[in-house]
């Protein structure tokens, strides 16, 4: 599961690089001043850090619940449905952040 988290964080870094490339293109075309572009990048980085913290917290909660289920060995159908739902929520959150 840690590989999954690492892969997701890698995708977020890639998205940051693409955002910086886009901003650089705007500066080169004269559609944005360099200092405005730097402010925008800084805001994006700050927002990314906040989102990373929120995602990490949710991921840790998910892992704890999953570990509890594994320890119980006999998870009910309702518990498995809740875990599946949480996975779907996290996947959707990741998709939204990568757009």
PDB file of N, CA and C in Angstrom:
ATOM      1  N   UNK A   1       0.810  -1.200   0.000  1.00  0.00           N
ATOM      2  CA  UNK A   1       0.000   0.000   0.000  1.00  0.00           C
ATOM      3  C   UNK A   1       0.853   1.264   0.000  1.00  0.00           C
ATOM      4  N   UNK A   2       2.022   1.185   0.619  1.00  0.00           N
ATOM      5  CA  UNK A   2       2.898   2.354   0.621  1.00  0.00           C
ATOM      6  C   UNK A   2       3.365   2.684  -0.799  1.00  0.00           C
ATOM      7  N   UNK A   3       3.510   1.657  -1.640  1.00  0.00           N
ATOM      8  CA  UNK A   3       3.865   1.898  -3.041  1.00  0.00           C
ATOM      9  C   UNK A   3       2.771   2.699  -3.735  1.00  0.00           C
ATOM     10  N   UNK A   4       1.524   2.405  -3.386  1.00  0.00           N
ATOM     11  CA  UNK A   4       0.381   3.114  -3.955  1.00  0.00           C
ATOM     12  C   UNK A   4       0.450   4.594  -3.588  1.00  0.00           C
ATOM     13  N   UNK A   5       0.716   4.875  -2.325  1.00  0.00           N
ATOM     14  CA  UNK A   5       0.826   6.269  -1.863  1.00  0.00           C
ATOM     15  C   UNK A   5       1.984   6.960  -2.567  1.00  0.00           C
ATOM     16  N   UNK A   6       3.111   6.279  -2.685  1.00  0.00           N
ATOM     17  CA  UNK A   6       4.270   6.865  -3.365  1.00  0.00           C
ATOM     18  C   UNK A   6       3.950   7.194  -4.820  1.00  0.00           C
ATOM     19  N   UNK A   7       3.238   6.291  -5.477  1.00  0.00           N
ATOM     20  CA  UNK A   7       2.854   6.532  -6.868  1.00  0.00           C
ATOM     21  C   UNK A   7       1.944   7.745  -6.976  1.00  0.00           C
ATOM     22  N   UNK A   8       1.005   7.871  -6.066  1.00  0.00           N
ATOM     23  CA  UNK A   8       0.088   9.012  -6.093  1.00  0.00           C
ATOM     24  C   UNK A   8       0.829  10.323  -5.863  1.00  0.00           C
ATOM     25  N   UNK A   9       1.742  10.319  -4.919  1.00  0.00           N
ATOM     26  CA  UNK A   9       2.514  11.532  -4.665  1.00  0.00           C
ATOM     27  C   UNK A   9       3.389  11.870  -5.870  1.00  0.00           C
ATOM     28  N   UNK A  10       3.880  10.856  -6.551  1.00  0.00           N
ATOM     29  CA  UNK A  10       4.646  11.090  -7.773  1.00  0.00           C
ATOM     30  C   UNK A  10       3.802  11.767  -8.836  1.00  0.00           C
ATOM     31  N   UNK A  11       2.551  11.349  -8.953  1.00  0.00           N
ATOM     32  CA  UNK A  11       1.640  11.970  -9.910  1.00  0.00           C
ATOM     33  C   UNK A  11       1.383  13.427  -9.550  1.00  0.00           C
ATOM     34  N   UNK A  12       1.270  13.701  -8.262  1.00  0.00           N
ATOM     35  CA  UNK A  12       1.045  15.080  -7.843  1.00  0.00           C
ATOM     36  C   UNK A  12       2.258  15.954  -8.161  1.00  0.00           C
ATOM     37  N   UNK A  13       3.449  15.415  -7.987  1.00  0.00           N
ATOM     38  CA  UNK A  13       4.665  16.162  -8.324  1.00  0.00           C
ATOM     39  C   UNK A  13       4.691  16.438  -9.818  1.00  0.00           C
ATOM     40  N   UNK A  14       4.337  15.435 -10.606  1.00  0.00           N
ATOM     41  CA  UNK A  14       4.294  15.604 -12.053  1.00  0.00           C
ATOM     42  C   UNK A  14       3.308  16.718 -12.419  1.00  0.00           C
ATOM     43  N   UNK A  15       2.158  16.744 -11.741  1.00  0.00           N
ATOM     44  CA  UNK A  15       1.169  17.786 -12.004  1.00  0.00           C
ATOM     45  C   UNK A  15       1.724  19.158 -11.658  1.00  0.00           C
ATOM     46  N   UNK A  16       2.502  19.258 -10.577  1.00  0.00           N
ATOM     47  CA  UNK A  16       3.123  20.529 -10.187  1.00  0.00           C
ATOM     48  C   UNK A  16       4.072  20.998 -11.277  1.00  0.00           C
ATOM     49  N   UNK A  17       4.847  20.067 -11.810  1.00  0.00           N
ATOM     50  CA  UNK A  17       5.783  20.422 -12.867  1.00  0.00           C
ATOM     51  C   UNK A  17       5.040  20.921 -14.107  1.00  0.00           C
ATOM     52  N   UNK A  18       3.948  20.286 -14.452  1.00  0.00           N
ATOM     53  CA  UNK A  18       3.156  20.712 -15.608  1.00  0.00           C
ATOM     54  C   UNK A  18       2.566  22.100 -15.365  1.00  0.00           C
ATOM     55  N   UNK A  19       2.112  22.356 -14.143  1.00  0.00           N
ATOM     56  CA  UNK A  19       1.562  23.671 -13.813  1.00  0.00           C
ATOM     57  C   UNK A  19       2.641  24.746 -13.961  1.00  0.00           C
ATOM     58  N   UNK A  20       3.850  24.443 -13.480  1.00  0.00           N
ATOM     59  CA  UNK A  20       4.945  25.408 -13.607  1.00  0.00           C
ATOM     60  C   UNK A  20       5.285  25.661 -15.078  1.00  0.00           C
ATOM     61  N   UNK A  21       5.253  24.603 -15.888  1.00  0.00           N
ATOM     62  CA  UNK A  21       5.510  24.771 -17.323  1.00  0.00           C
ATOM     63  C   UNK A  21       4.451  25.681 -17.953  1.00  0.00           C
ATOM     64  N   UNK A  22       3.204  25.500 -17.579  1.00  0.00           N
ATOM     65  CA  UNK A  22       2.118  26.309 -18.115  1.00  0.00           C
ATOM     66  C   UNK A  22       2.282  27.775 -17.716  1.00  0.00           C
ATOM     67  N   UNK A  23       2.632  27.996 -16.464  1.00  0.00           N
ATOM     68  CA  UNK A  23       2.827  29.364 -15.982  1.00  0.00           C
ATOM     69  C   UNK A  23       3.996  30.012 -16.708  1.00  0.00           C
ATOM     70  N   UNK A  24       5.071  29.256 -16.902  1.00  0.00           N
ATOM     71  CA  UNK A  24       6.236  29.778 -17.628  1.00  0.00           C
ATOM     72  C   UNK A  24       5.834  30.169 -19.050  1.00  0.00           C
ATOM     73  N   UNK A  25       4.985  29.371 -19.665  1.00  0.00           N
ATOM     74  CA  UNK A  25       4.506  29.678 -21.013  1.00  0.00           C
ATOM     75  C   UNK A  25       3.717  30.991 -21.022  1.00  0.00           C
ATOM     76  N   UNK A  26       2.880  31.203 -20.006  1.00  0.00           N
ATOM     77  CA  UNK A  26       2.122  32.455 -19.910  1.00  0.00           C
ATOM     78  C   UNK A  26       3.055  33.650 -19.769  1.00  0.00           C
ATOM     79  N   UNK A  27       4.110  33.474 -18.972  1.00  0.00           N
ATOM     80  CA  UNK A  27       5.084  34.563 -18.788  1.00  0.00           C
ATOM     81  C   UNK A  27       5.782  34.855 -20.106  1.00  0.00           C
ATOM     82  N   UNK A  28       6.196  33.811 -20.797  1.00  0.00           N
ATOM     83  CA  UNK A  28       6.903  33.994 -22.064  1.00  0.00           C
ATOM     84  C   UNK A  28       6.034  34.696 -23.102  1.00  0.00           C
ATOM     85  N   UNK A  29       4.742  34.397 -23.080  1.00  0.00           N
ATOM     86  CA  UNK A  29       3.828  35.021 -24.043  1.00  0.00           C
ATOM     87  C   UNK A  29       3.414  36.431 -23.616  1.00  0.00           C
ATOM     88  N   UNK A  30       3.850  36.819 -22.434  1.00  0.00           N
ATOM     89  CA  UNK A  30       3.523  38.157 -21.952  1.00  0.00           C
ATOM     90  C   UNK A  30       2.128  38.267 -21.356  1.00  0.00           C
ATOM     91  N   UNK A  31       1.490  37.163 -21.091  1.00  0.00           N
ATOM     92  CA  UNK A  31       0.146  37.186 -20.537  1.00  0.00           C
ATOM     93  C   UNK A  31       0.158  37.253 -19.010  1.00  0.00           C
ATOM     94  N   UNK A  32       1.357  37.114 -18.423  1.00  0.00           N
ATOM     95  CA  UNK A  32       1.479  37.169 -16.968  1.00  0.00           C
ATOM     96  C   UNK A  32       2.865  37.681 -16.633  1.00  0.00           C
ATOM     97  N   UNK A  33       2.940  38.513 -15.594  1.00  0.00           N
ATOM     98  CA  UNK A  33       4.241  39.010 -15.164  1.00  0.00           C
ATOM     99  C   UNK A  33       4.935  37.956 -14.304  1.00  0.00           C
ATOM    100  N   UNK A  34       6.262  37.990 -14.298  1.00  0.00           N
ATOM    101  CA  UNK A  34       7.046  36.992 -13.571  1.00  0.00           C
ATOM    102  C   UNK A  34       6.687  36.964 -12.081  1.00  0.00           C
ATOM    103  N   UNK A  35       6.551  38.143 -11.436  1.00  0.00           N
ATOM    104  CA  UNK A  35       6.249  38.140 -10.000  1.00  0.00           C
ATOM    105  C   UNK A  35       4.846  37.596  -9.733  1.00  0.00           C
ATOM    106  N   UNK A  36       3.892  37.859 -10.633  1.00  0.00           N
ATOM    107  CA  UNK A  36       2.551  37.282 -10.483  1.00  0.00           C
ATOM    108  C   UNK A  36       2.604  35.763 -10.644  1.00  0.00           C
ATOM    109  N   UNK A  37       3.427  35.318 -11.574  1.00  0.00           N
ATOM    110  CA  UNK A  37       3.576  33.877 -11.800  1.00  0.00           C
ATOM    111  C   UNK A  37       4.175  33.210 -10.566  1.00  0.00           C
ATOM    112  N   UNK A  38       5.174  33.856  -9.962  1.00  0.00           N
ATOM    113  CA  UNK A  38       5.793  33.285  -8.765  1.00  0.00           C
ATOM    114  C   UNK A  38       4.787  33.205  -7.617  1.00  0.00           C
ATOM    115  N   UNK A  39       3.970  34.246  -7.476  1.00  0.00           N
ATOM    116  CA  UNK A  39       2.936  34.223  -6.433  1.00  0.00           C
ATOM    117  C   UNK A  39       1.959  33.071  -6.669  1.00  0.00           C
ATOM    118  N   UNK A  40       1.596  32.868  -7.945  1.00  0.00           N
ATOM    119  CA  UNK A  40       0.672  31.800  -8.269  1.00  0.00           C
ATOM    120  C   UNK A  40       1.286  30.435  -7.945  1.00  0.00           C
ATOM    121  N   UNK A  41       2.543  30.252  -8.302  1.00  0.00           N
ATOM    122  CA  UNK A  41       3.224  28.993  -8.001  1.00  0.00           C
ATOM    123  C   UNK A  41       3.273  28.767  -6.495  1.00  0.00           C
ATOM    124  N   UNK A  42       3.599  29.806  -5.741  1.00  0.00           N
ATOM    125  CA  UNK A  42       3.655  29.685  -4.281  1.00  0.00           C
ATOM    126  C   UNK A  42       2.295  29.308  -3.701  1.00  0.00           C
ATOM    127  N   UNK A  43       1.214  29.923  -4.230  1.00  0.00           N
ATOM    128  CA  UNK A  43      -0.128  29.571  -3.757  1.00  0.00           C
ATOM    129  C   UNK A  43      -0.454  28.118  -4.085  1.00  0.00           C
ATOM    130  N   UNK A  44      -0.058  27.687  -5.275  1.00  0.00           N
ATOM    131  CA  UNK A  44      -0.311  26.300  -5.673  1.00  0.00           C
ATOM    132  C   UNK A  44       0.460  25.333  -4.770  1.00  0.00           C
ATOM    133  N   UNK A  45       1.688  25.664  -4.447  1.00  0.00           N
ATOM    134  CA  UNK A  45       2.503  24.812  -3.580  1.00  0.00           C
ATOM    135  C   UNK A  45       1.892  24.734  -2.187  1.00  0.00           C
ATOM    136  N   UNK A  46       1.479  25.898  -1.650  1.00  0.00           N
ATOM    137  CA  UNK A  46       0.849  25.917  -0.325  1.00  0.00           C
ATOM    138  C   UNK A  46      -0.427  25.079  -0.307  1.00  0.00           C
ATOM    139  N   UNK A  47      -1.236  25.234  -1.350  1.00  0.00           N
ATOM    140  CA  UNK A  47      -2.476  24.458  -1.425  1.00  0.00           C
ATOM    141  C   UNK A  47      -2.157  22.970  -1.549  1.00  0.00           C
ATOM    142  N   UNK A  48      -1.147  22.637  -2.338  1.00  0.00           N
ATOM    143  CA  UNK A  48      -0.746  21.245  -2.488  1.00  0.00           C
ATOM    144  C   UNK A  48      -0.296  20.631  -1.177  1.00  0.00           C
ATOM    145  N   UNK A  49       0.451  21.407  -0.376  1.00  0.00           N
ATOM    146  CA  UNK A  49       0.899  20.919   0.935  1.00  0.00           C
ATOM    147  C   UNK A  49      -0.292  20.658   1.846  1.00  0.00           C
ATOM    148  N   UNK A  50      -1.261  21.565   1.826  1.00  0.00           N
ATOM    149  CA  UNK A  50      -2.457  21.385   2.659  1.00  0.00           C
ATOM    150  C   UNK A  50      -3.228  20.149   2.217  1.00  0.00           C
ATOM    151  N   UNK A  51      -3.369  19.990   0.913  1.00  0.00           N
ATOM    152  CA  UNK A  51      -4.085  18.821   0.391  1.00  0.00           C
ATOM    153  C   UNK A  51      -3.327  17.537   0.705  1.00  0.00           C
ATOM    154  N   UNK A  52      -2.011  17.593   0.618  1.00  0.00           N
ATOM    155  CA  UNK A  52      -1.202  16.411   0.935  1.00  0.00           C
ATOM    156  C   UNK A  52      -1.437  16.017   2.386  1.00  0.00           C
ATOM    157  N   UNK A  53      -1.462  17.009   3.279  1.00  0.00           N
ATOM    158  CA  UNK A  53      -1.713  16.724   4.691  1.00  0.00           C
ATOM    159  C   UNK A  53      -3.072  16.093   4.909  1.00  0.00           C
ATOM    160  N   UNK A  54      -4.070  16.627   4.226  1.00  0.00           N
ATOM    161  CA  UNK A  54      -5.424  16.086   4.361  1.00  0.00           C
ATOM    162  C   UNK A  54      -5.498  14.675   3.797  1.00  0.00           C
ATOM    163  N   UNK A  55      -4.879  14.467   2.634  1.00  0.00           N
ATOM    164  CA  UNK A  55      -4.878  13.149   2.024  1.00  0.00           C
ATOM    165  C   UNK A  55      -4.141  12.149   2.911  1.00  0.00           C
ATOM    166  N   UNK A  56      -3.000  12.548   3.452  1.00  0.00           N
ATOM    167  CA  UNK A  56      -2.215  11.661   4.302  1.00  0.00           C
ATOM    168  C   UNK A  56      -3.022  11.252   5.531  1.00  0.00           C
ATOM    169  N   UNK A  57      -3.721  12.201   6.112  1.00  0.00           N
ATOM    170  CA  UNK A  57      -4.556  11.904   7.277  1.00  0.00           C
ATOM    171  C   UNK A  57      -5.658  10.899   6.916  1.00  0.00           C
ATOM    172  N   UNK A  58      -6.328  11.126   5.805  1.00  0.00           N
ATOM    173  CA  UNK A  58      -7.379  10.203   5.371  1.00  0.00           C
ATOM    174  C   UNK A  58      -6.796   8.823   5.064  1.00  0.00           C
ATOM    175  N   UNK A  59      -5.621   8.798   4.442  1.00  0.00           N
ATOM    176  CA  UNK A  59      -4.980   7.537   4.111  1.00  0.00           C
ATOM    177  C   UNK A  59      -4.652   6.763   5.385  1.00  0.00           C
ATOM    178  N   UNK A  60      -4.128   7.442   6.390  1.00  0.00           N
ATOM    179  CA  UNK A  60      -3.783   6.781   7.647  1.00  0.00           C
ATOM    180  C   UNK A  60      -5.045   6.222   8.329  1.00  0.00           C
ATOM    181  N   UNK A  61      -6.128   6.988   8.305  1.00  0.00           N
ATOM    182  CA  UNK A  61      -7.381   6.500   8.875  1.00  0.00           C
ATOM    183  C   UNK A  61      -7.856   5.255   8.138  1.00  0.00           C
ATOM    184  N   UNK A  62      -7.750   5.290   6.819  1.00  0.00           N
ATOM    185  CA  UNK A  62      -8.155   4.142   6.009  1.00  0.00           C
ATOM    186  C   UNK A  62      -7.309   2.917   6.355  1.00  0.00           C
ATOM    187  N   UNK A  63      -5.992   3.109   6.446  1.00  0.00           N
ATOM    188  CA  UNK A  63      -5.112   1.988   6.769  1.00  0.00           C
ATOM    189  C   UNK A  63      -5.436   1.391   8.131  1.00  0.00           C
ATOM    190  N   UNK A  64      -5.724   2.248   9.109  1.00  0.00           N
ATOM    191  CA  UNK A  64      -6.077   1.765  10.441  1.00  0.00           C
ATOM    192  C   UNK A  64      -7.345   0.918  10.391  1.00  0.00           C
ATOM    193  N   UNK A  65      -8.355   1.407   9.674  1.00  0.00           N
ATOM    194  CA  UNK A  65      -9.606   0.650   9.565  1.00  0.00           C
ATOM    195  C   UNK A  65      -9.376  -0.685   8.860  1.00  0.00           C
ATOM    196  N   UNK A  66      -8.579  -0.659   7.817  1.00  0.00           N
ATOM    197  CA  UNK A  66      -8.298  -1.881   7.078  1.00  0.00           C
ATOM    198  C   UNK A  66      -7.536  -2.870   7.953  1.00  0.00           C
ATOM    199  N   UNK A  67      -6.562  -2.387   8.706  1.00  0.00           N
ATOM    200  CA  UNK A  67      -5.810  -3.258   9.602  1.00  0.00           C
ATOM    201  C   UNK A  67      -6.720  -3.864  10.664  1.00  0.00           C
ATOM    202  N   UNK A  68      -7.661  -3.064  11.182  1.00  0.00           N
ATOM    203  CA  UNK A  68      -8.627  -3.586  12.149  1.00  0.00           C
ATOM    204  C   UNK A  68      -9.458  -4.708  11.534  1.00  0.00           C
ATOM    205  N   UNK A  69      -9.884  -4.509  10.297  1.00  0.00           N
ATOM    206  CA  UNK A  69     -10.673  -5.538   9.623  1.00  0.00           C
ATOM    207  C   UNK A  69      -9.876  -6.814   9.414  1.00  0.00           C
ATOM    208  N   UNK A  70      -8.616  -6.656   9.037  1.00  0.00           N
ATOM    209  CA  UNK A  70      -7.769  -7.831   8.822  1.00  0.00           C
ATOM    210  C   UNK A  70      -7.568  -8.575  10.131  1.00  0.00           C
ATOM    211  N   UNK A  71      -7.386  -7.855  11.221  1.00  0.00           N
ATOM    212  CA  UNK A  71      -7.200  -8.492  12.521  1.00  0.00           C
ATOM    213  C   UNK A  71      -8.456  -9.239  12.959  1.00  0.00           C
ATOM    214  N   UNK A  72      -9.592  -8.728  12.599  1.00  0.00           N
ATOM    215  CA  UNK A  72     -10.851  -9.398  12.971  1.00  0.00           C
ATOM    216  C   UNK A  72     -11.061 -10.670  12.163  1.00  0.00           C
ATOM    217  N   UNK A  73     -10.430 -10.766  11.023  1.00  0.00           N
ATOM    218  CA  UNK A  73     -10.456 -11.900  10.112  1.00  0.00           C
ATOM    219  C   UNK A  73     -11.823 -12.211   9.544  1.00  0.00           C
ATOM    220  N   UNK A  74     -12.866 -11.875  10.203  1.00  0.00           N
ATOM    221  CA  UNK A  74     -14.212 -12.161   9.710  1.00  0.00           C
ATOM    222  C   UNK A  74     -14.971 -10.851   9.546  1.00  0.00           C
ATOM    223  N   UNK A  75     -14.592 -10.107   8.547  1.00  0.00           N
ATOM    224  CA  UNK A  75     -15.242  -8.822   8.303  1.00  0.00           C
ATOM    225  C   UNK A  75     -16.645  -9.062   7.750  1.00  0.00           C
ATOM    226  N   UNK A  76     -17.562  -8.256   8.231  1.00  0.00           N
ATOM    227  CA  UNK A  76     -18.934  -8.375   7.733  1.00  0.00           C
ATOM    228  C   UNK A  76     -19.031  -7.755   6.347  1.00  0.00           C
ATOM    229  N   UNK A  77     -20.057  -8.083   5.632  1.00  0.00           N
ATOM    230  CA  UNK A  77     -20.286  -7.514   4.299  1.00  0.00           C
ATOM    231  C   UNK A  77     -20.424  -5.998   4.397  1.00  0.00           C
ATOM    232  N   UNK A  78     -21.085  -5.528   5.451  1.00  0.00           N
ATOM    233  CA  UNK A  78     -21.270  -4.082   5.649  1.00  0.00           C
ATOM    234  C   UNK A  78     -19.922  -3.388   5.824  1.00  0.00           C
ATOM    235  N   UNK A  79     -19.018  -3.987   6.574  1.00  0.00           N
ATOM    236  CA  UNK A  79     -17.702  -3.395   6.778  1.00  0.00           C
ATOM    237  C   UNK A  79     -16.908  -3.352   5.467  1.00  0.00           C
ATOM    238  N   UNK A  80     -16.983  -4.404   4.700  1.00  0.00           N
ATOM    239  CA  UNK A  80     -16.282  -4.426   3.418  1.00  0.00           C
ATOM    240  C   UNK A  80     -16.863  -3.385   2.468  1.00  0.00           C
ATOM    241  N   UNK A  81     -18.176  -3.206   2.510  1.00  0.00           N
ATOM    242  CA  UNK A  81     -18.817  -2.192   1.675  1.00  0.00           C
ATOM    243  C   UNK A  81     -18.338  -0.802   2.067  1.00  0.00           C
ATOM    244  N   UNK A  82     -18.214  -0.538   3.369  1.00  0.00           N
ATOM    245  CA  UNK A  82     -17.715   0.763   3.835  1.00  0.00           C
ATOM    246  C   UNK A  82     -16.282   0.993   3.373  1.00  0.00           C
ATOM    247  N   UNK A  83     -15.448  -0.034   3.425  1.00  0.00           N
ATOM    248  CA  UNK A  83     -14.054   0.093   2.983  1.00  0.00           C
ATOM    249  C   UNK A  83     -14.021   0.366   1.479  1.00  0.00           C
ATOM    250  N   UNK A  84     -14.821  -0.360   0.716  1.00  0.00           N
ATOM    251  CA  UNK A  84     -14.872  -0.122  -0.725  1.00  0.00           C
ATOM    252  C   UNK A  84     -15.309   1.304  -1.023  1.00  0.00           C
ATOM    253  N   UNK A  85     -16.278   1.795  -0.273  1.00  0.00           N
ATOM    254  CA  UNK A  85     -16.769   3.159  -0.465  1.00  0.00           C
ATOM    255  C   UNK A  85     -15.660   4.170  -0.175  1.00  0.00           C
ATOM    256  N   UNK A  86     -14.904   3.931   0.870  1.00  0.00           N
ATOM    257  CA  UNK A  86     -13.811   4.837   1.228  1.00  0.00           C
ATOM    258  C   UNK A  86     -12.741   4.830   0.137  1.00  0.00           C
ATOM    259  N   UNK A  87     -12.453   3.663  -0.416  1.00  0.00           N
ATOM    260  CA  UNK A  87     -11.481   3.567  -1.508  1.00  0.00           C
ATOM    261  C   UNK A  87     -11.973   4.381  -2.700  1.00  0.00           C
ATOM    262  N   UNK A  88     -13.266   4.255  -3.017  1.00  0.00           N
ATOM    263  CA  UNK A  88     -13.836   5.022  -4.127  1.00  0.00           C
ATOM    264  C   UNK A  88     -13.727   6.522  -3.878  1.00  0.00           C
ATOM    265  N   UNK A  89     -13.978   6.958  -2.635  1.00  0.00           N
ATOM    266  CA  UNK A  89     -13.864   8.375  -2.293  1.00  0.00           C
ATOM    267  C   UNK A  89     -12.429   8.869  -2.482  1.00  0.00           C
ATOM    268  N   UNK A  90     -11.473   8.088  -2.011  1.00  0.00           N
ATOM    269  CA  UNK A  90     -10.070   8.474  -2.144  1.00  0.00           C
ATOM    270  C   UNK A  90      -9.646   8.512  -3.609  1.00  0.00           C
ATOM    271  N   UNK A  91     -10.106   7.553  -4.389  1.00  0.00           N
ATOM    272  CA  UNK A  91      -9.776   7.532  -5.808  1.00  0.00           C
ATOM    273  C   UNK A  91     -10.342   8.763  -6.506  1.00  0.00           C
ATOM    274  N   UNK A  92     -11.565   9.153  -6.154  1.00  0.00           N
ATOM    275  CA  UNK A  92     -12.185  10.331  -6.757  1.00  0.00           C
ATOM    276  C   UNK A  92     -11.434  11.594  -6.350  1.00  0.00           C
ATOM    277  N   UNK A  93     -11.021  11.663  -5.093  1.00  0.00           N
ATOM    278  CA  UNK A  93     -10.244  12.813  -4.617  1.00  0.00           C
ATOM    279  C   UNK A  93      -8.941  12.937  -5.401  1.00  0.00           C
ATOM    280  N   UNK A  94      -8.300  11.815  -5.638  1.00  0.00           N
ATOM    281  CA  UNK A  94      -7.047  11.821  -6.396  1.00  0.00           C
ATOM    282  C   UNK A  94      -7.296  12.286  -7.821  1.00  0.00           C
ATOM    283  N   UNK A  95      -8.362  11.777  -8.440  1.00  0.00           N
ATOM    284  CA  UNK A  95      -8.684  12.187  -9.815  1.00  0.00           C
ATOM    285  C   UNK A  95      -8.917  13.693  -9.881  1.00  0.00           C
ATOM    286  N   UNK A  96      -9.638  14.244  -8.889  1.00  0.00           N
ATOM    287  CA  UNK A  96      -9.930  15.675  -8.873  1.00  0.00           C
ATOM    288  C   UNK A  96      -8.638  16.481  -8.750  1.00  0.00           C
ATOM    289  N   UNK A  97      -7.712  16.008  -7.947  1.00  0.00           N
ATOM    290  CA  UNK A  97      -6.470  16.746  -7.719  1.00  0.00           C
ATOM    291  C   UNK A  97      -5.565  16.700  -8.947  1.00  0.00           C
ATOM    292  N   UNK A  98      -5.711  15.681  -9.766  1.00  0.00           N
ATOM    293  CA  UNK A  98      -4.870  15.544 -10.950  1.00  0.00           C
ATOM    294  C   UNK A  98      -5.432  16.261 -12.158  1.00  0.00           C
ATOM    295  N   UNK A  99      -6.628  16.777 -12.055  1.00  0.00           N
ATOM    296  CA  UNK A  99      -7.233  17.497 -13.179  1.00  0.00           C
ATOM    297  C   UNK A  99      -6.726  18.898 -13.253  1.00  0.00           C
TER     298      UNK A  99
END
